[in-house]
């Protein structure tokens, strides 16, 4: 199983909408609204890393996303 974490910064005031849209994206297993340098931590899982990549690209295209950081799980 391939896994990745995606950290998101979003436009202030769009947190609820972004959370709902991200939850609809295939391979998203968890979303967490957090305080700190990033606004969300997203956990993705799939059998293929390509599928995770495609899901991340869909998330990055959502309106209100300011920046992302992707971390692929190695073990």
PDB file of N, CA and C in Angstrom:
ATOM      1  N   UNK A   1       0.843  -1.176   0.000  1.00  0.00           N
ATOM      2  CA  UNK A   1       0.000   0.000   0.000  1.00  0.00           C
ATOM      3  C   UNK A   1       0.890   1.241   0.000  1.00  0.00           C
ATOM      4  N   UNK A   2       0.620   2.151  -0.913  1.00  0.00           N
ATOM      5  CA  UNK A   2       1.344   3.418  -1.004  1.00  0.00           C
ATOM      6  C   UNK A   2       0.603   4.460  -0.174  1.00  0.00           C
ATOM      7  N   UNK A   3       1.372   5.312   0.506  1.00  0.00           N
ATOM      8  CA  UNK A   3       0.771   6.342   1.353  1.00  0.00           C
ATOM      9  C   UNK A   3       1.512   7.657   1.183  1.00  0.00           C
ATOM     10  N   UNK A   4       0.788   8.748   1.427  1.00  0.00           N
ATOM     11  CA  UNK A   4       1.388  10.077   1.398  1.00  0.00           C
ATOM     12  C   UNK A   4       0.597  10.985   2.323  1.00  0.00           C
ATOM     13  N   UNK A   5       1.275  12.022   2.793  1.00  0.00           N
ATOM     14  CA  UNK A   5       0.629  13.083   3.553  1.00  0.00           C
ATOM     15  C   UNK A   5       0.766  14.357   2.750  1.00  0.00           C
ATOM     16  N   UNK A   6      -0.293  15.129   2.720  1.00  0.00           N
ATOM     17  CA  UNK A   6      -0.318  16.382   1.980  1.00  0.00           C
ATOM     18  C   UNK A   6      -0.666  17.483   2.973  1.00  0.00           C
ATOM     19  N   UNK A   7       0.204  18.478   3.085  1.00  0.00           N
ATOM     20  CA  UNK A   7      -0.057  19.628   3.941  1.00  0.00           C
ATOM     21  C   UNK A   7      -0.585  20.758   3.068  1.00  0.00           C
ATOM     22  N   UNK A   8      -1.623  21.423   3.541  1.00  0.00           N
ATOM     23  CA  UNK A   8      -2.269  22.481   2.757  1.00  0.00           C
ATOM     24  C   UNK A   8      -2.304  23.798   3.507  1.00  0.00           C
ATOM     25  N   UNK A   9      -2.104  24.875   2.796  1.00  0.00           N
ATOM     26  CA  UNK A   9      -2.447  26.216   3.247  1.00  0.00           C
ATOM     27  C   UNK A   9      -3.582  26.685   2.360  1.00  0.00           C
ATOM     28  N   UNK A  10      -4.598  27.256   2.998  1.00  0.00           N
ATOM     29  CA  UNK A  10      -5.779  27.679   2.245  1.00  0.00           C
ATOM     30  C   UNK A  10      -6.083  29.150   2.533  1.00  0.00           C
ATOM     31  N   UNK A  11      -6.881  29.737   1.655  1.00  0.00           N
ATOM     32  CA  UNK A  11      -7.334  31.109   1.840  1.00  0.00           C
ATOM     33  C   UNK A  11      -8.200  31.160   3.102  1.00  0.00           C
ATOM     34  N   UNK A  12      -7.920  32.117   3.970  1.00  0.00           N
ATOM     35  CA  UNK A  12      -8.688  32.271   5.199  1.00  0.00           C
ATOM     36  C   UNK A  12     -10.176  32.413   4.889  1.00  0.00           C
ATOM     37  N   UNK A  13     -10.983  31.665   5.628  1.00  0.00           N
ATOM     38  CA  UNK A  13     -12.426  31.688   5.425  1.00  0.00           C
ATOM     39  C   UNK A  13     -12.942  30.593   4.517  1.00  0.00           C
ATOM     40  N   UNK A  14     -12.041  29.833   3.873  1.00  0.00           N
ATOM     41  CA  UNK A  14     -12.469  28.759   2.966  1.00  0.00           C
ATOM     42  C   UNK A  14     -12.293  27.372   3.581  1.00  0.00           C
ATOM     43  N   UNK A  15     -11.926  27.305   4.848  1.00  0.00           N
ATOM     44  CA  UNK A  15     -11.578  26.027   5.469  1.00  0.00           C
ATOM     45  C   UNK A  15     -12.689  24.990   5.377  1.00  0.00           C
ATOM     46  N   UNK A  16     -13.920  25.369   5.672  1.00  0.00           N
ATOM     47  CA  UNK A  16     -15.031  24.402   5.650  1.00  0.00           C
ATOM     48  C   UNK A  16     -15.250  23.870   4.239  1.00  0.00           C
ATOM     49  N   UNK A  17     -15.262  24.764   3.268  1.00  0.00           N
ATOM     50  CA  UNK A  17     -15.491  24.356   1.880  1.00  0.00           C
ATOM     51  C   UNK A  17     -14.351  23.475   1.367  1.00  0.00           C
ATOM     52  N   UNK A  18     -13.122  23.868   1.662  1.00  0.00           N
ATOM     53  CA  UNK A  18     -11.963  23.073   1.229  1.00  0.00           C
ATOM     54  C   UNK A  18     -12.024  21.687   1.843  1.00  0.00           C
ATOM     55  N   UNK A  19     -12.329  21.605   3.129  1.00  0.00           N
ATOM     56  CA  UNK A  19     -12.398  20.310   3.798  1.00  0.00           C
ATOM     57  C   UNK A  19     -13.422  19.395   3.124  1.00  0.00           C
ATOM     58  N   UNK A  20     -14.597  19.925   2.821  1.00  0.00           N
ATOM     59  CA  UNK A  20     -15.638  19.125   2.172  1.00  0.00           C
ATOM     60  C   UNK A  20     -15.210  18.669   0.775  1.00  0.00           C
ATOM     61  N   UNK A  21     -14.572  19.545   0.005  1.00  0.00           N
ATOM     62  CA  UNK A  21     -14.132  19.187  -1.344  1.00  0.00           C
ATOM     63  C   UNK A  21     -13.003  18.152  -1.318  1.00  0.00           C
ATOM     64  N   UNK A  22     -12.059  18.314  -0.396  1.00  0.00           N
ATOM     65  CA  UNK A  22     -10.933  17.376  -0.307  1.00  0.00           C
ATOM     66  C   UNK A  22     -11.441  15.983   0.061  1.00  0.00           C
ATOM     67  N   UNK A  23     -12.413  15.905   0.952  1.00  0.00           N
ATOM     68  CA  UNK A  23     -12.960  14.599   1.364  1.00  0.00           C
ATOM     69  C   UNK A  23     -13.572  13.827   0.194  1.00  0.00           C
ATOM     70  N   UNK A  24     -13.988  14.524  -0.851  1.00  0.00           N
ATOM     71  CA  UNK A  24     -14.596  13.892  -2.022  1.00  0.00           C
ATOM     72  C   UNK A  24     -13.563  13.291  -2.982  1.00  0.00           C
ATOM     73  N   UNK A  25     -12.295  13.671  -2.836  1.00  0.00           N
ATOM     74  CA  UNK A  25     -11.254  13.226  -3.762  1.00  0.00           C
ATOM     75  C   UNK A  25     -10.888  11.781  -3.463  1.00  0.00           C
ATOM     76  N   UNK A  26     -10.817  10.986  -4.521  1.00  0.00           N
ATOM     77  CA  UNK A  26     -10.462   9.577  -4.397  1.00  0.00           C
ATOM     78  C   UNK A  26      -9.102   9.431  -3.715  1.00  0.00           C
ATOM     79  N   UNK A  27      -8.965   8.426  -2.887  1.00  0.00           N
ATOM     80  CA  UNK A  27      -7.746   8.053  -2.158  1.00  0.00           C
ATOM     81  C   UNK A  27      -7.496   8.887  -0.911  1.00  0.00           C
ATOM     82  N   UNK A  28      -8.321   9.896  -0.625  1.00  0.00           N
ATOM     83  CA  UNK A  28      -8.198  10.651   0.624  1.00  0.00           C
ATOM     84  C   UNK A  28      -8.819   9.819   1.726  1.00  0.00           C
ATOM     85  N   UNK A  29      -8.025   9.527   2.754  1.00  0.00           N
ATOM     86  CA  UNK A  29      -8.497   8.696   3.863  1.00  0.00           C
ATOM     87  C   UNK A  29      -8.819   9.506   5.103  1.00  0.00           C
ATOM     88  N   UNK A  30      -8.095  10.615   5.321  1.00  0.00           N
ATOM     89  CA  UNK A  30      -8.328  11.465   6.489  1.00  0.00           C
ATOM     90  C   UNK A  30      -8.009  12.911   6.134  1.00  0.00           C
ATOM     91  N   UNK A  31      -8.769  13.837   6.735  1.00  0.00           N
ATOM     92  CA  UNK A  31      -8.430  15.251   6.662  1.00  0.00           C
ATOM     93  C   UNK A  31      -8.445  15.794   8.087  1.00  0.00           C
ATOM     94  N   UNK A  32      -7.455  16.614   8.413  1.00  0.00           N
ATOM     95  CA  UNK A  32      -7.371  17.210   9.747  1.00  0.00           C
ATOM     96  C   UNK A  32      -7.085  18.694   9.614  1.00  0.00           C
ATOM     97  N   UNK A  33      -7.963  19.519  10.177  1.00  0.00           N
ATOM     98  CA  UNK A  33      -7.755  20.956  10.242  1.00  0.00           C
ATOM     99  C   UNK A  33      -6.860  21.202  11.449  1.00  0.00           C
ATOM    100  N   UNK A  34      -5.723  21.857  11.248  1.00  0.00           N
ATOM    101  CA  UNK A  34      -4.738  22.020  12.313  1.00  0.00           C
ATOM    102  C   UNK A  34      -4.304  23.487  12.410  1.00  0.00           C
ATOM    103  N   UNK A  35      -3.656  23.810  13.506  1.00  0.00           N
ATOM    104  CA  UNK A  35      -3.072  25.139  13.690  1.00  0.00           C
ATOM    105  C   UNK A  35      -1.569  25.020  13.568  1.00  0.00           C
ATOM    106  N   UNK A  36      -0.932  26.021  13.020  1.00  0.00           N
ATOM    107  CA  UNK A  36       0.512  26.014  12.837  1.00  0.00           C
ATOM    108  C   UNK A  36       0.862  26.552  11.462  1.00  0.00           C
ATOM    109  N   UNK A  37       1.964  26.058  10.917  1.00  0.00           N
ATOM    110  CA  UNK A  37       2.416  26.544   9.610  1.00  0.00           C
ATOM    111  C   UNK A  37       1.469  26.152   8.479  1.00  0.00           C
ATOM    112  N   UNK A  38       0.740  25.068   8.652  1.00  0.00           N
ATOM    113  CA  UNK A  38      -0.203  24.594   7.641  1.00  0.00           C
ATOM    114  C   UNK A  38      -1.597  24.547   8.235  1.00  0.00           C
ATOM    115  N   UNK A  39      -2.597  24.559   7.355  1.00  0.00           N
ATOM    116  CA  UNK A  39      -3.997  24.549   7.790  1.00  0.00           C
ATOM    117  C   UNK A  39      -4.597  23.149   7.843  1.00  0.00           C
ATOM    118  N   UNK A  40      -4.133  22.262   6.965  1.00  0.00           N
ATOM    119  CA  UNK A  40      -4.670  20.904   6.906  1.00  0.00           C
ATOM    120  C   UNK A  40      -3.551  19.887   6.743  1.00  0.00           C
ATOM    121  N   UNK A  41      -3.774  18.713   7.329  1.00  0.00           N
ATOM    122  CA  UNK A  41      -2.965  17.523   7.039  1.00  0.00           C
ATOM    123  C   UNK A  41      -3.920  16.511   6.428  1.00  0.00           C
ATOM    124  N   UNK A  42      -3.567  16.027   5.242  1.00  0.00           N
ATOM    125  CA  UNK A  42      -4.393  15.079   4.499  1.00  0.00           C
ATOM    126  C   UNK A  42      -3.617  13.769   4.371  1.00  0.00           C
ATOM    127  N   UNK A  43      -4.271  12.637   4.699  1.00  0.00           N
ATOM    128  CA  UNK A  43      -3.638  11.325   4.507  1.00  0.00           C
ATOM    129  C   UNK A  43      -4.266  10.663   3.284  1.00  0.00           C
ATOM    130  N   UNK A  44      -3.411  10.213   2.370  1.00  0.00           N
ATOM    131  CA  UNK A  44      -3.865   9.520   1.160  1.00  0.00           C
ATOM    132  C   UNK A  44      -3.281   8.114   1.142  1.00  0.00           C
ATOM    133  N   UNK A  45      -4.048   7.170   0.624  1.00  0.00           N
ATOM    134  CA  UNK A  45      -3.596   5.783   0.463  1.00  0.00           C
ATOM    135  C   UNK A  45      -4.139   5.210  -0.835  1.00  0.00           C
ATOM    136  N   UNK A  46      -3.315   4.387  -1.482  1.00  0.00           N
ATOM    137  CA  UNK A  46      -3.731   3.694  -2.691  1.00  0.00           C
ATOM    138  C   UNK A  46      -2.759   2.556  -2.966  1.00  0.00           C
ATOM    139  N   UNK A  47      -3.157   1.656  -3.820  1.00  0.00           N
ATOM    140  CA  UNK A  47      -2.261   0.569  -4.228  1.00  0.00           C
ATOM    141  C   UNK A  47      -1.152   1.068  -5.145  1.00  0.00           C
ATOM    142  N   UNK A  48      -1.421   2.151  -5.860  1.00  0.00           N
ATOM    143  CA  UNK A  48      -0.473   2.689  -6.841  1.00  0.00           C
ATOM    144  C   UNK A  48      -0.112   4.125  -6.495  1.00  0.00           C
ATOM    145  N   UNK A  49       1.172   4.447  -6.516  1.00  0.00           N
ATOM    146  CA  UNK A  49       1.618   5.816  -6.252  1.00  0.00           C
ATOM    147  C   UNK A  49       1.074   6.774  -7.309  1.00  0.00           C
ATOM    148  N   UNK A  50       0.864   6.283  -8.508  1.00  0.00           N
ATOM    149  CA  UNK A  50       0.303   7.104  -9.589  1.00  0.00           C
ATOM    150  C   UNK A  50      -1.095   7.618  -9.216  1.00  0.00           C
ATOM    151  N   UNK A  51      -1.870   6.786  -8.549  1.00  0.00           N
ATOM    152  CA  UNK A  51      -3.213   7.196  -8.140  1.00  0.00           C
ATOM    153  C   UNK A  51      -3.150   8.295  -7.081  1.00  0.00           C
ATOM    154  N   UNK A  52      -2.184   8.181  -6.175  1.00  0.00           N
ATOM    155  CA  UNK A  52      -1.997   9.222  -5.164  1.00  0.00           C
ATOM    156  C   UNK A  52      -1.597  10.529  -5.845  1.00  0.00           C
ATOM    157  N   UNK A  53      -0.695  10.429  -6.802  1.00  0.00           N
ATOM    158  CA  UNK A  53      -0.263  11.618  -7.546  1.00  0.00           C
ATOM    159  C   UNK A  53      -1.458  12.298  -8.208  1.00  0.00           C
ATOM    160  N   UNK A  54      -2.314  11.528  -8.842  1.00  0.00           N
ATOM    161  CA  UNK A  54      -3.484  12.093  -9.514  1.00  0.00           C
ATOM    162  C   UNK A  54      -4.424  12.766  -8.520  1.00  0.00           C
ATOM    163  N   UNK A  55      -4.593  12.166  -7.353  1.00  0.00           N
ATOM    164  CA  UNK A  55      -5.445  12.756  -6.321  1.00  0.00           C
ATOM    165  C   UNK A  55      -4.858  14.072  -5.820  1.00  0.00           C
ATOM    166  N   UNK A  56      -3.552  14.116  -5.632  1.00  0.00           N
ATOM    167  CA  UNK A  56      -2.894  15.343  -5.181  1.00  0.00           C
ATOM    168  C   UNK A  56      -3.055  16.446  -6.229  1.00  0.00           C
ATOM    169  N   UNK A  57      -2.913  16.083  -7.494  1.00  0.00           N
ATOM    170  CA  UNK A  57      -3.092  17.086  -8.559  1.00  0.00           C
ATOM    171  C   UNK A  57      -4.513  17.647  -8.552  1.00  0.00           C
ATOM    172  N   UNK A  58      -5.521  16.815  -8.274  1.00  0.00           N
ATOM    173  CA  UNK A  58      -6.905  17.288  -8.188  1.00  0.00           C
ATOM    174  C   UNK A  58      -7.075  18.259  -7.024  1.00  0.00           C
ATOM    175  N   UNK A  59      -6.478  17.917  -5.889  1.00  0.00           N
ATOM    176  CA  UNK A  59      -6.580  18.784  -4.709  1.00  0.00           C
ATOM    177  C   UNK A  59      -5.912  20.126  -4.983  1.00  0.00           C
ATOM    178  N   UNK A  60      -4.747  20.097  -5.591  1.00  0.00           N
ATOM    179  CA  UNK A  60      -3.997  21.333  -5.857  1.00  0.00           C
ATOM    180  C   UNK A  60      -4.766  22.288  -6.778  1.00  0.00           C
ATOM    181  N   UNK A  61      -5.683  21.759  -7.583  1.00  0.00           N
ATOM    182  CA  UNK A  61      -6.465  22.585  -8.508  1.00  0.00           C
ATOM    183  C   UNK A  61      -7.695  23.223  -7.852  1.00  0.00           C
ATOM    184  N   UNK A  62      -8.007  22.816  -6.619  1.00  0.00           N
ATOM    185  CA  UNK A  62      -9.187  23.361  -5.958  1.00  0.00           C
ATOM    186  C   UNK A  62      -9.017  24.857  -5.693  1.00  0.00           C
ATOM    187  N   UNK A  63     -10.080  25.589  -5.878  1.00  0.00           N
ATOM    188  CA  UNK A  63     -10.071  27.021  -5.590  1.00  0.00           C
ATOM    189  C   UNK A  63      -9.906  27.217  -4.085  1.00  0.00           C
ATOM    190  N   UNK A  64      -8.993  28.117  -3.711  1.00  0.00           N
ATOM    191  CA  UNK A  64      -8.766  28.399  -2.305  1.00  0.00           C
ATOM    192  C   UNK A  64      -7.506  27.781  -1.741  1.00  0.00           C
ATOM    193  N   UNK A  65      -6.855  26.910  -2.511  1.00  0.00           N
ATOM    194  CA  UNK A  65      -5.589  26.313  -2.068  1.00  0.00           C
ATOM    195  C   UNK A  65      -4.468  27.321  -2.353  1.00  0.00           C
ATOM    196  N   UNK A  66      -3.732  27.703  -1.315  1.00  0.00           N
ATOM    197  CA  UNK A  66      -2.628  28.645  -1.503  1.00  0.00           C
ATOM    198  C   UNK A  66      -1.301  27.931  -1.743  1.00  0.00           C
ATOM    199  N   UNK A  67      -1.041  26.859  -0.981  1.00  0.00           N
ATOM    200  CA  UNK A  67       0.212  26.120  -1.158  1.00  0.00           C
ATOM    201  C   UNK A  67       0.059  24.713  -0.600  1.00  0.00           C
ATOM    202  N   UNK A  68       0.936  23.828  -1.048  1.00  0.00           N
ATOM    203  CA  UNK A  68       0.920  22.432  -0.588  1.00  0.00           C
ATOM    204  C   UNK A  68       2.331  21.941  -0.342  1.00  0.00           C
ATOM    205  N   UNK A  69       2.438  20.913   0.461  1.00  0.00           N
ATOM    206  CA  UNK A  69       3.692  20.189   0.669  1.00  0.00           C
ATOM    207  C   UNK A  69       3.339  18.713   0.709  1.00  0.00           C
ATOM    208  N   UNK A  70       3.951  17.927  -0.147  1.00  0.00           N
ATOM    209  CA  UNK A  70       3.676  16.493  -0.216  1.00  0.00           C
ATOM    210  C   UNK A  70       4.812  15.723   0.420  1.00  0.00           C
ATOM    211  N   UNK A  71       4.448  14.738   1.233  1.00  0.00           N
ATOM    212  CA  UNK A  71       5.421  13.845   1.859  1.00  0.00           C
ATOM    213  C   UNK A  71       5.003  12.413   1.584  1.00  0.00           C
ATOM    214  N   UNK A  72       5.782  11.702   0.753  1.00  0.00           N
ATOM    215  CA  UNK A  72       5.516  10.291   0.485  1.00  0.00           C
ATOM    216  C   UNK A  72       6.071   9.446   1.614  1.00  0.00           C
ATOM    217  N   UNK A  73       5.285   8.481   2.053  1.00  0.00           N
ATOM    218  CA  UNK A  73       5.725   7.571   3.113  1.00  0.00           C
ATOM    219  C   UNK A  73       6.649   6.533   2.495  1.00  0.00           C
ATOM    220  N   UNK A  74       7.815   6.329   3.099  1.00  0.00           N
ATOM    221  CA  UNK A  74       8.817   5.429   2.534  1.00  0.00           C
ATOM    222  C   UNK A  74       8.737   4.009   3.055  1.00  0.00           C
ATOM    223  N   UNK A  75       8.157   3.813   4.215  1.00  0.00           N
ATOM    224  CA  UNK A  75       8.069   2.441   4.746  1.00  0.00           C
ATOM    225  C   UNK A  75       6.681   2.121   5.212  1.00  0.00           C
TER     226      UNK A  75
END
